[in-house]
Amino acid sequence: MTVPTRNRKALAWAAALVTAAFVSIALGRPREVANPFLGGEWKCRQMAFLTSCAPRSPAQHGLRVTPTSFRQG
């Protein structure tokens, strides 16, 4: 028994959509990675091809978070 062409195309599109969904979930979910150059004081996360690092404790590195006020006028 052969499958009509229209059903085969619909099945191919559905398979492509499911595959794209799984790939986007796998690449889009951030995960923690170790960076041997920075050491244990830094927390690094990787998502797809982007890696970002931040100090585990901002106070240890002299970084201060200050509120920003926006002036009008």
N, C-alpha and C. Protein backbone atom coordinates (compact mmCIF):
# COMPACT_ATOMS: atom_id res chain seq x y z
N MET A 1 0.85 -1.17 0.00
CA MET A 1 0.00 0.00 0.00
C MET A 1 0.89 1.24 0.00
N THR A 2 0.65 2.15 -0.89
CA THR A 2 1.44 3.37 -0.98
C THR A 2 0.71 4.53 -0.34
N VAL A 3 1.49 5.45 0.20
CA VAL A 3 0.93 6.64 0.84
C VAL A 3 0.84 7.73 -0.20
N PRO A 4 -0.31 8.42 -0.31
CA PRO A 4 -0.42 9.52 -1.28
C PRO A 4 0.63 10.61 -0.99
N THR A 5 1.00 11.33 -2.05
CA THR A 5 2.04 12.35 -1.95
C THR A 5 1.68 13.43 -0.93
N ARG A 6 0.42 13.81 -0.88
CA ARG A 6 0.00 14.88 0.04
C ARG A 6 0.23 14.46 1.49
N ASN A 7 -0.07 13.22 1.81
CA ASN A 7 0.15 12.72 3.18
C ASN A 7 1.64 12.62 3.49
N ARG A 8 2.44 12.25 2.51
CA ARG A 8 3.88 12.15 2.70
C ARG A 8 4.48 13.52 2.99
N LYS A 9 4.01 14.55 2.27
CA LYS A 9 4.50 15.91 2.51
C LYS A 9 4.10 16.41 3.90
N ALA A 10 2.87 16.12 4.29
CA ALA A 10 2.40 16.53 5.62
C ALA A 10 3.21 15.84 6.71
N LEU A 11 3.51 14.58 6.50
CA LEU A 11 4.32 13.83 7.48
C LEU A 11 5.74 14.39 7.55
N ALA A 12 6.31 14.76 6.40
CA ALA A 12 7.66 15.34 6.39
C ALA A 12 7.67 16.69 7.12
N TRP A 13 6.64 17.51 6.89
CA TRP A 13 6.57 18.81 7.59
C TRP A 13 6.41 18.62 9.10
N ALA A 14 5.61 17.67 9.50
CA ALA A 14 5.41 17.41 10.93
C ALA A 14 6.71 16.91 11.57
N ALA A 15 7.43 16.05 10.88
CA ALA A 15 8.70 15.57 11.41
C ALA A 15 9.72 16.70 11.52
N ALA A 16 9.75 17.58 10.52
CA ALA A 16 10.66 18.72 10.56
C ALA A 16 10.32 19.66 11.71
N LEU A 17 9.05 19.87 11.96
CA LEU A 17 8.61 20.75 13.05
C LEU A 17 8.98 20.18 14.41
N VAL A 18 8.77 18.89 14.60
CA VAL A 18 9.11 18.24 15.86
C VAL A 18 10.62 18.27 16.08
N THR A 19 11.39 18.02 15.03
CA THR A 19 12.85 18.06 15.14
C THR A 19 13.33 19.47 15.49
N ALA A 20 12.77 20.49 14.84
CA ALA A 20 13.14 21.87 15.14
C ALA A 20 12.80 22.24 16.58
N ALA A 21 11.69 21.75 17.09
CA ALA A 21 11.31 22.03 18.47
C ALA A 21 12.30 21.41 19.45
N PHE A 22 12.68 20.16 19.21
CA PHE A 22 13.65 19.51 20.09
C PHE A 22 15.01 20.19 20.04
N VAL A 23 15.45 20.60 18.88
CA VAL A 23 16.75 21.27 18.75
C VAL A 23 16.72 22.62 19.46
N SER A 24 15.64 23.38 19.29
CA SER A 24 15.57 24.69 19.94
C SER A 24 15.53 24.57 21.46
N ILE A 25 14.89 23.55 21.97
CA ILE A 25 14.86 23.34 23.42
C ILE A 25 16.24 22.93 23.92
N ALA A 26 16.91 22.06 23.20
CA ALA A 26 18.23 21.59 23.62
C ALA A 26 19.26 22.71 23.59
N LEU A 27 19.21 23.58 22.58
CA LEU A 27 20.19 24.66 22.47
C LEU A 27 19.80 25.88 23.29
N GLY A 28 18.53 26.06 23.55
CA GLY A 28 18.06 27.26 24.23
C GLY A 28 18.11 27.20 25.73
N ARG A 29 18.26 26.03 26.29
CA ARG A 29 18.29 25.90 27.75
C ARG A 29 19.70 26.17 28.27
N PRO A 30 19.87 27.19 29.12
CA PRO A 30 21.21 27.48 29.64
C PRO A 30 21.67 26.39 30.61
N ARG A 31 22.97 26.14 30.59
CA ARG A 31 23.54 25.17 31.53
C ARG A 31 24.86 25.74 32.06
N GLU A 32 25.16 25.36 33.30
CA GLU A 32 26.38 25.85 33.91
C GLU A 32 27.58 25.08 33.37
N VAL A 33 28.66 25.83 33.12
CA VAL A 33 29.90 25.23 32.63
C VAL A 33 31.05 25.70 33.50
N ALA A 34 32.11 24.94 33.54
CA ALA A 34 33.30 25.32 34.29
C ALA A 34 34.28 26.01 33.35
N ASN A 35 34.87 27.09 33.82
CA ASN A 35 35.87 27.80 33.03
C ASN A 35 37.20 27.70 33.78
N PRO A 36 38.14 26.91 33.30
CA PRO A 36 39.40 26.71 34.03
C PRO A 36 40.25 27.97 34.10
N PHE A 37 40.05 28.91 33.20
CA PHE A 37 40.86 30.13 33.21
C PHE A 37 40.43 31.09 34.32
N LEU A 38 39.15 31.08 34.67
CA LEU A 38 38.65 32.01 35.69
C LEU A 38 38.67 31.41 37.09
N GLY A 39 38.56 30.11 37.19
CA GLY A 39 38.58 29.47 38.50
C GLY A 39 37.19 29.34 39.10
N GLY A 40 37.16 28.92 40.35
CA GLY A 40 35.90 28.66 41.03
C GLY A 40 35.17 29.88 41.53
N GLU A 41 35.80 31.07 41.46
CA GLU A 41 35.15 32.28 41.94
C GLU A 41 34.12 32.81 40.95
N TRP A 42 34.08 32.24 39.77
CA TRP A 42 33.20 32.72 38.72
C TRP A 42 32.16 31.67 38.38
N LYS A 43 30.96 32.13 38.04
CA LYS A 43 29.87 31.26 37.63
C LYS A 43 29.62 31.51 36.15
N CYS A 44 29.81 30.48 35.34
CA CYS A 44 29.66 30.61 33.89
C CYS A 44 28.48 29.78 33.42
N ARG A 45 27.72 30.35 32.48
CA ARG A 45 26.58 29.66 31.89
C ARG A 45 26.73 29.70 30.38
N GLN A 46 26.32 28.62 29.74
CA GLN A 46 26.41 28.53 28.29
C GLN A 46 25.03 28.23 27.72
N MET A 47 24.67 29.02 26.70
CA MET A 47 23.41 28.81 26.00
C MET A 47 23.71 28.85 24.51
N ALA A 48 23.48 27.75 23.82
CA ALA A 48 23.80 27.60 22.40
C ALA A 48 25.29 27.86 22.21
N PHE A 49 25.67 28.95 21.55
CA PHE A 49 27.07 29.25 21.29
C PHE A 49 27.58 30.42 22.11
N LEU A 50 26.80 30.91 23.07
CA LEU A 50 27.15 32.07 23.88
C LEU A 50 27.47 31.62 25.29
N THR A 51 28.61 32.08 25.82
CA THR A 51 28.99 31.80 27.19
C THR A 51 29.12 33.11 27.94
N SER A 52 28.49 33.21 29.11
CA SER A 52 28.60 34.41 29.92
C SER A 52 29.05 34.01 31.32
N CYS A 53 29.87 34.85 31.92
CA CYS A 53 30.40 34.58 33.25
C CYS A 53 30.18 35.79 34.15
N ALA A 54 29.94 35.52 35.42
CA ALA A 54 29.77 36.57 36.42
C ALA A 54 30.41 36.09 37.71
N PRO A 55 30.91 37.01 38.52
CA PRO A 55 31.49 36.60 39.80
C PRO A 55 30.41 36.02 40.70
N ARG A 56 30.77 35.01 41.48
CA ARG A 56 29.78 34.39 42.37
C ARG A 56 29.32 35.37 43.46
N SER A 57 30.25 36.20 43.93
CA SER A 57 29.92 37.20 44.94
C SER A 57 30.44 38.55 44.46
N PRO A 58 29.56 39.46 44.03
CA PRO A 58 30.03 40.75 43.52
C PRO A 58 30.83 41.56 44.53
N ALA A 59 30.57 41.41 45.83
CA ALA A 59 31.27 42.20 46.84
C ALA A 59 32.76 41.84 46.89
N GLN A 60 33.11 40.60 46.61
CA GLN A 60 34.51 40.18 46.65
C GLN A 60 35.35 40.85 45.57
N HIS A 61 34.75 41.20 44.48
CA HIS A 61 35.49 41.74 43.35
C HIS A 61 35.38 43.26 43.24
N GLY A 62 34.81 43.91 44.23
CA GLY A 62 34.72 45.35 44.23
C GLY A 62 33.64 45.90 43.32
N LEU A 63 32.73 45.06 42.88
CA LEU A 63 31.64 45.51 42.03
C LEU A 63 30.49 45.96 42.91
N ARG A 64 29.97 47.13 42.62
CA ARG A 64 28.85 47.64 43.39
C ARG A 64 27.66 47.84 42.47
N VAL A 65 26.53 47.48 42.96
CA VAL A 65 25.29 47.71 42.22
C VAL A 65 24.63 48.92 42.82
N THR A 66 24.47 49.96 42.02
CA THR A 66 23.84 51.18 42.51
C THR A 66 22.58 51.43 41.69
N PRO A 67 21.54 51.92 42.34
CA PRO A 67 20.32 52.21 41.59
C PRO A 67 20.56 53.42 40.68
N THR A 68 19.93 53.38 39.55
CA THR A 68 20.05 54.46 38.58
C THR A 68 18.78 55.29 38.60
N SER A 69 18.96 56.58 38.69
CA SER A 69 17.78 57.46 38.65
C SER A 69 17.74 58.14 37.28
N PHE A 70 16.59 58.17 36.71
CA PHE A 70 16.42 58.80 35.41
C PHE A 70 15.75 60.16 35.63
N ARG A 71 16.45 61.18 35.22
CA ARG A 71 15.93 62.53 35.38
C ARG A 71 15.16 62.95 34.13
N GLN A 72 14.07 63.62 34.34
CA GLN A 72 13.33 64.14 33.21
C GLN A 72 13.65 65.62 33.06
N GLY A 73 13.74 66.02 31.82
CA GLY A 73 13.93 67.45 31.60
C GLY A 73 15.16 67.82 30.97
